[in-house]
Every structure is written in C-alpha cells, then in structure tokens.
C-alpha cells in the first residue's frame, strides 16, 4: 500500500508527509476513522514511507529493499498486532501465530472490516481480541535493536479490542518507547481505548472519503462513467466508505443479507409467528458475535431511515433500491409513537451481545418486543 493507492484523503496524506519532512514524528498515533474511510491503508502507507530508503516528496519509491520487503509484509522491523481467536489445539494465541493468514488476507483486501478477517481465520462464534499475552510479545520485540530500518514500527489494528491487561502492559512502552520506535494504532472507536493510552497518543482523524474522490476511484477501477446514475447512487449511499461502495458494486454488500434477515424478523413479529421467531433466534446465535453486532447496528440505521422516509424528503433519506422498495410499505409502521423504543431495544440488544449474554435469548426477546412495538 502506497499513498497513491489510498482513495482520497489528500489533506491527511499531506499532513503525514509534512510531519516526516519536518522531523516531527510522534511516537504514538491513533488513526481514527469509520470502516472504509482508509485509516488502515493510510497507516500502512505511512509506515512504508517512513521506512523507504529513497522516498520522493509524494510517495515511497517502491524499489528499495525496504519497499520490496513491505510488499510481502515481511519487513523485520514492521510488526502487526490485530484481533485473533485463541486456539489451544493449534497453539495459536497471538498475532504472530496468524501472520501467514494475515499476509494472505491483506494481499486480497486493502479495505476491510473485522467480520471479514474473522471469517478468513474460521473464527466461528468466537470474538476477536488482542490478548494479554500479546503485550508481552510486543515488548519483547521492541527491546531488540532494529534489524534493517532506522525505525521500528508497530501497527495495531483495532486497539479498542485490547484486553485491559495487554493495554496496561503496553502503556509504559507507548509512554517511553525505545529510540525510533513508532506505534500506529488504527481505531474505529478510539474512545473505547483506555484513557491513559489515548492521552499519550496523537489522534489523527480520518474523515469519510469525499464524493468526488470516491467517484474518481470507482470510475478508474471499474471503467464506469461518472455520469452513471447507479454509480452516483452507490457513492451517496456509501457515506464516505470505499468498502461499502466496493461491496455494493461487487454484489457482496453485507446489507443485502442483513435486509433479508430484517424483513424476516419484522414479518414474524407482525404475524406473531413464534416458531419462526425461534428459528431466526437460532440463526442469529450462529452468526458469531461480530456479525450479530453488525446486524443490530444495521437494523438501527434502517429503522432510523424508515422514520425519516415518512417526511418524504429524498435528499435526507439514504436507502438502497431494495431497501427503498421494502420501506414503501414498512415505513408507515415506524413513527414517533415507537421509534425511540425501537432504538432503545436494539441498542440494548447490542449491549447484551457485547456482554456475552446468550444470543438466542437476546434475539427471541427482541422479536417479542418488536411484535408489541409494531402494533403501537
């Protein structure tokens, strides 16, 4: 990943390049941005730029020994930390135990979300975490001298997933790292990172991608005219997420599966079909925690959009064609009488998933509550 490969984000790229030119190198940065905005690609491009032996004003050279090693994610002074699942039988506990899978995954995906990574490692229902043992591994690595580069760089993807013990172990290292050691943390929820790490890191906000930058990138990738109305609609619905735009074009949008599941829930609740409610509760249980949370977040947004749709102002409504077709009949059932309770119940269900409550019980209880709210 080079700066030129990152969609949009001109201001952020300039800020990163200028900081290196001025020798202003914070030892810990938090790249904060919504999934698909490009926080991880920016962090990786910046790490390459710092390590490049022949960098230009704009980007890494791509030909030096450092760039060639980073092409394969095999530079000895570039370390990755990311959520994994503990598999005792296979002796897999920390990021390094999954590094082969990680390299294959990144070679195929530059913009991605946590459920995709967990699917790639067959995590099943397990929740991806950065364990306490990971802290020991990072400290051990950083206490050695750098092998080839002037700098040692650690990229931590989703530091909000760190176990508190791990975070506390790394705190001292982040506060007083060895010379020329840089931590680049890529977060979608920076406020969930422990406050002591936040206070010792410089936060770099990665905003949603601008529509014109998204149009240019998609047009170049798929050879589609910018005047194409479908493309313009995809860009609008993506809300600045290149990941969402890619998935929509490729026909792999997770929202399609979520919408189908959402429609089934609403129909079962409306008809008081308890047998199918139980069946859907079993399906929800088998999704895995991250997909469960992803669905509940999607459901909250869709309900919000259905409530807004009742105002009949297209400019403020963000629905795909399939969502809009469903909402023509569904939106009238979402009104000021029940929208707040709907949102509260879905947010509560998401909280319970986070707290490891039995997902089957969460979903069945939610379905019963929806049955009442739809009749209000």
Protein backbone atom coordinates (compact mmCIF):
# COMPACT_ATOMS: atom_id res chain seq x y z
CA UNK A 1 0.00 0.00 0.00
CA UNK A 2 1.33 3.40 -1.10
CA UNK A 3 -0.14 6.86 -0.54
CA UNK A 4 -1.22 6.83 -4.18
CA UNK A 5 -3.32 3.72 -3.53
CA UNK A 6 -5.31 5.35 -0.73
CA UNK A 7 -8.61 6.75 -2.01
CA UNK A 8 -8.89 10.49 -1.42
CA UNK A 9 -7.68 11.81 1.97
CA UNK A 10 -5.39 14.41 0.35
CA UNK A 11 -5.18 16.54 3.50
CA UNK A 12 -4.30 13.59 5.75
CA UNK A 13 -1.61 12.39 3.33
CA UNK A 14 -0.09 15.87 3.21
CA UNK A 15 -0.10 16.09 6.99
CA UNK A 16 1.73 12.77 7.29
CA UNK A 17 4.32 13.62 4.65
CA UNK A 18 4.99 17.05 6.12
CA UNK A 19 5.45 15.65 9.62
CA UNK A 20 8.26 13.45 8.30
CA UNK A 21 9.88 16.28 6.36
CA UNK A 22 9.87 18.44 9.48
CA UNK A 23 11.18 15.54 11.58
CA UNK A 24 8.06 15.74 13.71
CA UNK A 25 7.43 12.07 14.41
CA UNK A 26 5.01 11.38 17.28
CA UNK A 27 5.94 8.07 18.88
CA UNK A 28 2.27 7.08 19.07
CA UNK A 29 -0.53 7.99 16.69
CA UNK A 30 -4.17 6.92 16.63
CA UNK A 31 -5.62 6.88 13.11
CA UNK A 32 -9.32 7.19 13.89
CA UNK A 33 -11.98 6.76 11.23
CA UNK A 34 -15.06 4.77 10.29
CA UNK A 35 -14.53 1.48 8.49
CA UNK A 36 -13.90 2.05 4.80
CA UNK A 37 -12.57 5.60 5.22
CA UNK A 38 -9.00 4.39 4.79
CA UNK A 39 -7.40 4.59 8.24
CA UNK A 40 -5.58 1.25 7.91
CA UNK A 41 -4.33 1.84 4.33
CA UNK A 42 -3.07 5.27 5.44
CA UNK A 43 -1.21 3.79 8.41
CA UNK A 44 0.42 1.14 6.24
CA UNK A 45 1.32 3.66 3.51
CA UNK A 46 2.83 5.94 6.16
CA UNK A 47 4.86 3.08 7.66
CA UNK A 48 6.22 2.29 4.19
CA UNK A 49 7.03 5.98 3.60
CA UNK A 50 8.93 6.25 6.88
CA UNK A 51 10.94 3.11 6.14
CA UNK A 52 11.59 3.82 2.43
CA UNK A 53 15.24 4.38 1.57
CA UNK A 54 14.56 6.57 -1.50
CA UNK A 55 11.25 8.30 -0.82
CA UNK A 56 10.14 11.18 -3.02
CA UNK A 57 8.19 14.26 -1.99
CA UNK A 58 4.93 12.41 -2.63
CA UNK A 59 5.42 8.70 -2.03
CA UNK A 60 7.68 5.71 -1.38
CA UNK A 61 9.97 4.58 -4.19
CA UNK A 62 8.70 1.01 -4.46
CA UNK A 63 12.13 -0.32 -5.47
CA UNK A 64 14.37 -0.20 -2.40
CA UNK A 65 14.99 -3.20 -0.17
CA UNK A 66 12.56 -1.89 2.43
CA UNK A 67 9.70 -1.37 -0.06
CA UNK A 68 10.22 -4.83 -1.56
CA UNK A 69 10.01 -6.45 1.87
CA UNK A 70 6.91 -4.46 2.79
CA UNK A 71 5.31 -5.60 -0.48
CA UNK A 72 5.29 -9.06 1.12
CA UNK A 73 4.57 -7.71 4.62
CA UNK A 74 7.82 -9.32 5.67
CA UNK A 75 9.94 -6.42 6.84
CA UNK A 76 11.67 -7.46 10.10
CA UNK A 77 11.14 -4.01 11.66
CA UNK A 78 7.43 -3.71 10.77
CA UNK A 79 5.21 -5.51 13.28
CA UNK A 80 1.45 -6.07 13.26
CA UNK A 81 -0.96 -6.54 16.14
CA UNK A 82 -4.60 -7.40 15.41
CA UNK A 83 -7.57 -9.24 16.96
CA UNK A 84 -7.30 -13.03 16.90
CA UNK A 85 -9.01 -16.01 18.48
CA UNK A 86 -7.25 -18.35 20.87
CA UNK A 87 -6.93 -21.92 19.51
CA UNK A 88 -5.06 -24.01 22.07
CA UNK A 89 -5.05 -27.15 19.94
CA UNK A 90 -3.18 -25.34 17.15
CA UNK A 91 -1.07 -23.31 19.58
CA UNK A 92 -2.44 -20.04 18.23
CA UNK A 93 -2.61 -17.27 20.80
CA UNK A 94 -1.20 -14.03 19.37
CA UNK A 95 -0.90 -12.12 16.09
CA UNK A 96 2.39 -13.74 15.06
CA UNK A 97 0.68 -17.14 15.16
CA UNK A 98 -1.67 -15.87 12.44
CA UNK A 99 0.84 -13.88 10.40
CA UNK A 100 0.65 -16.21 7.36
CA UNK A 101 -3.15 -15.84 7.21
CA UNK A 102 -2.79 -12.08 7.79
CA UNK A 103 -0.42 -11.66 4.83
CA UNK A 104 -2.75 -13.60 2.53
CA UNK A 105 -5.74 -11.60 3.76
CA UNK A 106 -4.04 -8.21 3.21
CA UNK A 107 -2.84 -9.26 -0.23
CA UNK A 108 -6.51 -9.61 -1.22
CA UNK A 109 -8.04 -6.82 0.85
CA UNK A 110 -6.90 -3.25 1.39
CA UNK A 111 -10.22 -2.01 2.77
CA UNK A 112 -11.87 -4.49 5.15
CA UNK A 113 -13.83 -4.97 8.34
CA UNK A 114 -13.39 -7.22 11.36
CA UNK A 115 -16.01 -9.88 10.42
CA UNK A 116 -14.18 -10.46 7.10
CA UNK A 117 -10.91 -11.09 8.93
CA UNK A 118 -12.58 -13.41 11.43
CA UNK A 119 -14.16 -15.35 8.56
CA UNK A 120 -10.72 -15.67 6.96
CA UNK A 121 -9.38 -17.42 10.07
CA UNK A 122 -12.52 -19.52 10.64
CA UNK A 123 -13.24 -17.86 13.98
CA UNK A 124 -16.84 -19.14 14.08
CA UNK A 125 -18.70 -17.66 17.04
CA UNK A 126 -15.52 -16.51 18.78
CA UNK A 127 -14.95 -12.80 19.28
CA UNK A 128 -11.66 -11.37 18.02
CA UNK A 129 -9.50 -9.96 20.81
CA UNK A 130 -5.96 -8.72 21.42
CA UNK A 131 -4.96 -10.82 24.42
CA UNK A 132 -2.82 -10.07 27.45
CA UNK A 133 -0.07 -12.31 26.04
CA UNK A 134 0.18 -10.03 23.01
CA UNK A 135 1.55 -7.27 25.23
CA UNK A 136 4.46 -9.47 26.28
CA UNK A 137 5.25 -10.33 22.65
CA UNK A 138 5.32 -6.68 21.57
CA UNK A 139 7.54 -5.65 24.48
CA UNK A 140 9.95 -8.50 23.72
CA UNK A 141 10.22 -7.50 20.04
CA UNK A 142 10.76 -3.83 20.73
CA UNK A 143 13.50 -4.42 23.25
CA UNK A 144 15.70 -5.71 20.42
CA UNK A 145 17.54 -3.34 18.10
CA UNK A 146 16.08 -2.71 14.66
CA UNK A 147 17.35 -5.11 12.03
CA UNK A 148 17.45 -3.04 8.86
CA UNK A 149 15.41 0.13 9.11
CA UNK A 150 16.16 3.29 11.04
CA UNK A 151 12.76 2.86 12.70
CA UNK A 152 10.77 0.06 14.30
CA UNK A 153 7.05 0.42 13.62
CA UNK A 154 4.14 -1.39 15.26
CA UNK A 155 0.73 -1.16 13.57
CA UNK A 156 -2.06 -2.05 15.99
CA UNK A 157 -5.35 -2.62 14.18
CA UNK A 158 -8.40 -2.04 16.42
CA UNK A 159 -6.66 -1.24 19.72
CA UNK A 160 -10.13 -0.94 21.26
CA UNK A 161 -10.13 -4.75 21.14
CA UNK A 162 -7.16 -4.95 23.50
CA UNK A 163 -7.62 -6.77 26.77
CA UNK A 164 -7.08 -4.30 29.63
CA UNK A 165 -4.07 -6.30 30.82
CA UNK A 166 -2.48 -6.02 27.38
CA UNK A 167 -3.23 -2.30 27.22
CA UNK A 168 -1.67 -1.71 30.62
CA UNK A 169 1.41 -3.72 29.68
CA UNK A 170 1.90 -1.62 26.55
CA UNK A 171 1.20 1.66 28.32
CA UNK A 172 4.75 2.06 29.64
CA UNK A 173 6.21 1.17 26.24
CA UNK A 174 3.94 3.67 24.49
CA UNK A 175 4.75 6.35 27.03
CA UNK A 176 8.53 5.82 26.88
CA UNK A 177 9.33 3.72 23.80
CA UNK A 178 12.83 2.71 22.76
CA UNK A 179 14.54 5.19 20.46
CA UNK A 180 12.99 5.50 16.98
CA UNK A 181 10.04 3.27 17.78
CA UNK A 182 6.64 4.29 16.40
CA UNK A 183 3.18 2.97 17.33
CA UNK A 184 0.47 3.43 14.72
CA UNK A 185 -2.95 2.49 16.11
CA UNK A 186 -5.88 2.16 13.72
CA UNK A 187 -9.21 2.56 15.50
CA UNK A 188 -12.88 2.71 14.58
CA UNK A 189 -13.86 3.53 18.18
CA UNK A 190 -10.97 5.50 19.72
CA UNK A 191 -12.98 6.48 22.79
CA UNK A 192 -13.04 2.80 23.79
CA UNK A 193 -9.25 2.72 24.04
CA UNK A 194 -8.13 3.09 27.66
CA UNK A 195 -7.78 6.77 28.51
CA UNK A 196 -4.11 6.52 29.54
CA UNK A 197 -3.13 5.33 26.06
CA UNK A 198 -5.33 7.98 24.44
CA UNK A 199 -3.64 10.73 26.44
CA UNK A 200 -0.18 9.55 25.35
CA UNK A 201 -1.02 9.37 21.65
CA UNK A 202 -1.67 11.95 18.97
CA UNK A 203 -5.06 11.40 17.36
CA UNK A 204 -5.28 11.77 13.59
CA UNK A 205 -8.86 11.94 12.33
CA UNK A 206 -9.52 10.21 9.00
CA UNK A 207 -12.77 11.70 7.64
CA UNK A 208 -15.25 10.00 5.29
CA UNK A 209 -13.99 9.98 1.69
CA UNK A 210 -15.25 12.91 -0.38
CA UNK A 211 -17.79 12.01 -3.06
CA UNK A 212 -15.67 13.32 -5.95
CA UNK A 213 -12.67 11.24 -4.81
CA UNK A 214 -14.86 8.17 -4.49
CA UNK A 215 -16.29 8.70 -7.98
CA UNK A 216 -12.83 9.02 -9.49
CA UNK A 217 -11.56 5.88 -7.75
CA UNK A 218 -14.57 3.76 -8.68
CA UNK A 219 -14.64 5.04 -12.27
CA UNK A 220 -10.98 4.13 -12.70
CA UNK A 221 -11.33 0.71 -11.08
CA UNK A 222 -14.46 -0.39 -12.95
CA UNK A 223 -14.26 1.78 -16.08
CA UNK A 224 -17.68 3.26 -15.35
CA UNK A 225 -18.75 6.71 -16.47
CA UNK A 226 -19.02 9.25 -13.64
CA UNK A 227 -22.37 10.29 -15.09
CA UNK A 228 -23.73 6.81 -14.45
CA UNK A 229 -26.68 7.31 -12.10
CA UNK A 230 -26.18 3.95 -10.37
CA UNK A 231 -22.59 4.84 -9.56
CA UNK A 232 -23.61 8.22 -8.18
CA UNK A 233 -26.23 6.49 -6.04
CA UNK A 234 -23.68 3.99 -4.72
CA UNK A 235 -21.33 6.80 -3.76
CA UNK A 236 -24.11 8.64 -1.94
CA UNK A 237 -25.23 5.55 -0.03
CA UNK A 238 -21.67 4.62 0.90
CA UNK A 239 -21.49 7.63 3.25
CA UNK A 240 -17.79 8.07 2.55
CA UNK A 241 -16.86 4.38 2.93
CA UNK A 242 -14.92 2.94 0.00
CA UNK A 243 -15.53 -0.51 1.46
CA UNK A 244 -19.32 -0.11 1.26
CA UNK A 245 -19.07 1.21 -2.28
CA UNK A 246 -16.91 -1.72 -3.39
CA UNK A 247 -19.22 -4.27 -1.81
CA UNK A 248 -22.27 -2.70 -3.43
CA UNK A 249 -20.69 -2.78 -6.91
CA UNK A 250 -19.36 -6.31 -6.48
CA UNK A 251 -22.75 -7.55 -5.33
CA UNK A 252 -21.37 -8.68 -1.98
CA UNK A 253 -22.89 -6.00 0.19
CA UNK A 254 -23.46 -7.35 3.66
CA UNK A 255 -26.51 -5.08 3.82
CA UNK A 256 -28.37 -7.37 1.40
CA UNK A 257 -28.10 -10.29 3.81
CA UNK A 258 -28.94 -8.00 6.73
CA UNK A 259 -32.00 -6.66 4.90
CA UNK A 260 -33.30 -10.16 4.20
CA UNK A 261 -32.87 -11.05 7.87
CA UNK A 262 -34.50 -7.78 8.97
CA UNK A 263 -37.55 -8.35 6.75
CA UNK A 264 -38.00 -11.88 8.12
CA UNK A 265 -37.88 -10.59 11.71
CA UNK A 266 -40.46 -7.89 11.08
CA UNK A 267 -42.83 -10.31 9.32
CA UNK A 268 -42.52 -12.91 12.06
CA UNK A 269 -43.12 -10.29 14.75
CA UNK A 270 -46.08 -8.78 12.90
CA UNK A 271 -47.76 -12.18 12.39
CA UNK A 272 -46.74 -13.40 15.89
CA UNK A 273 -45.08 -16.42 14.30
CA UNK A 274 -43.33 -17.76 17.40
CA UNK A 275 -41.99 -20.88 15.68
CA UNK A 276 -40.15 -18.82 13.05
CA UNK A 277 -39.04 -16.39 15.75
CA UNK A 278 -37.26 -19.27 17.47
CA UNK A 279 -35.79 -20.43 14.17
CA UNK A 280 -34.41 -16.95 13.48
CA UNK A 281 -33.06 -16.80 17.03
CA UNK A 282 -31.06 -19.95 16.29
CA UNK A 283 -29.74 -18.38 13.07
CA UNK A 284 -28.79 -15.24 14.99
CA UNK A 285 -26.91 -17.33 17.55
CA UNK A 286 -24.89 -18.98 14.76
CA UNK A 287 -23.80 -15.67 13.18
CA UNK A 288 -20.91 -15.02 15.54
CA UNK A 289 -20.71 -12.03 17.85
CA UNK A 290 -19.24 -9.50 15.45
CA UNK A 291 -21.85 -10.23 12.78
CA UNK A 292 -24.58 -10.07 15.42
CA UNK A 293 -23.43 -6.58 16.40
CA UNK A 294 -23.09 -5.63 12.73
CA UNK A 295 -26.70 -6.68 12.08
CA UNK A 296 -28.06 -4.79 15.10
CA UNK A 297 -26.22 -1.64 14.02
CA UNK A 298 -27.67 -2.07 10.52
CA UNK A 299 -31.17 -2.56 11.93
CA UNK A 300 -30.92 0.65 13.95
CA UNK A 301 -29.88 2.60 10.88
CA UNK A 302 -32.61 1.09 8.71
CA UNK A 303 -35.29 1.91 11.27
CA UNK A 304 -33.96 5.47 11.50
CA UNK A 305 -34.10 5.80 7.72
CA UNK A 306 -37.65 4.43 7.62
CA UNK A 307 -38.74 7.00 10.18
CA UNK A 308 -37.09 9.77 8.10
CA UNK A 309 -38.70 8.41 4.93
CA UNK A 310 -42.10 9.41 6.32
CA UNK A 311 -41.10 13.06 5.86
CA UNK A 312 -40.87 12.40 2.09
CA UNK A 313 -37.67 14.42 1.55
CA UNK A 314 -35.44 12.27 -0.69
CA UNK A 315 -32.35 14.39 -0.03
CA UNK A 316 -32.20 13.31 3.61
CA UNK A 317 -33.08 9.63 3.09
CA UNK A 318 -30.29 7.11 2.47
CA UNK A 319 -31.77 3.81 1.27
CA UNK A 320 -30.65 1.41 -1.43
CA UNK A 321 -33.13 0.42 -4.12
CA UNK A 322 -34.06 -2.82 -2.39
CA UNK A 323 -34.35 -1.06 0.98
CA UNK A 324 -36.48 1.68 -0.58
CA UNK A 325 -38.80 -0.89 -2.17
CA UNK A 326 -39.32 -2.59 1.21
CA UNK A 327 -39.72 0.72 3.03
CA UNK A 328 -42.58 1.92 0.85
CA UNK A 329 -44.88 -0.40 2.81
CA UNK A 330 -42.90 -0.67 6.03
CA UNK A 331 -42.13 2.99 6.82
CA UNK A 332 -45.69 3.91 7.95
CA UNK A 333 -45.31 1.46 10.86
CA UNK A 334 -42.29 3.40 12.19
CA UNK A 335 -43.44 6.67 13.73
CA UNK A 336 -42.96 8.97 16.69
CA UNK A 337 -45.05 6.52 18.72
CA UNK A 338 -42.47 3.75 18.62
CA UNK A 339 -39.16 4.89 17.04
CA UNK A 340 -37.47 5.76 20.34
CA UNK A 341 -38.42 2.46 21.96
CA UNK A 342 -37.27 0.59 18.84
CA UNK A 343 -33.87 2.25 19.02
CA UNK A 344 -33.57 1.63 22.75
CA UNK A 345 -34.38 -2.08 22.41
CA UNK A 346 -31.90 -2.59 19.56
CA UNK A 347 -29.17 -0.68 21.38
CA UNK A 348 -29.85 -2.77 24.50
CA UNK A 349 -29.63 -5.98 22.44
CA UNK A 350 -26.28 -4.81 21.02
CA UNK A 351 -25.03 -4.10 24.54
CA UNK A 352 -26.10 -7.57 25.69
CA UNK A 353 -24.23 -9.16 22.77
CA UNK A 354 -21.14 -7.22 23.83
CA UNK A 355 -21.61 -8.55 27.38
CA UNK A 356 -21.78 -12.18 26.15
CA UNK A 357 -25.43 -12.75 27.08
CA UNK A 358 -26.95 -15.83 25.39
CA UNK A 359 -27.60 -14.59 21.80
CA UNK A 360 -30.61 -16.88 21.31
CA UNK A 361 -32.30 -15.35 24.36
CA UNK A 362 -31.37 -11.82 23.23
CA UNK A 363 -32.87 -12.27 19.79
CA UNK A 364 -36.04 -14.10 20.82
CA UNK A 365 -36.74 -11.48 23.49
CA UNK A 366 -36.13 -8.73 20.93
CA UNK A 367 -38.56 -10.35 18.47
CA UNK A 368 -41.29 -10.41 21.12
CA UNK A 369 -40.73 -6.74 21.93
CA UNK A 370 -40.85 -5.84 18.23
CA UNK A 371 -44.20 -7.63 17.96
CA UNK A 372 -45.58 -5.19 20.54
CA UNK A 373 -43.92 -2.07 19.11
CA UNK A 374 -45.14 -2.68 15.55
CA UNK A 375 -48.74 -2.54 16.77
CA UNK A 376 -48.33 0.83 18.51
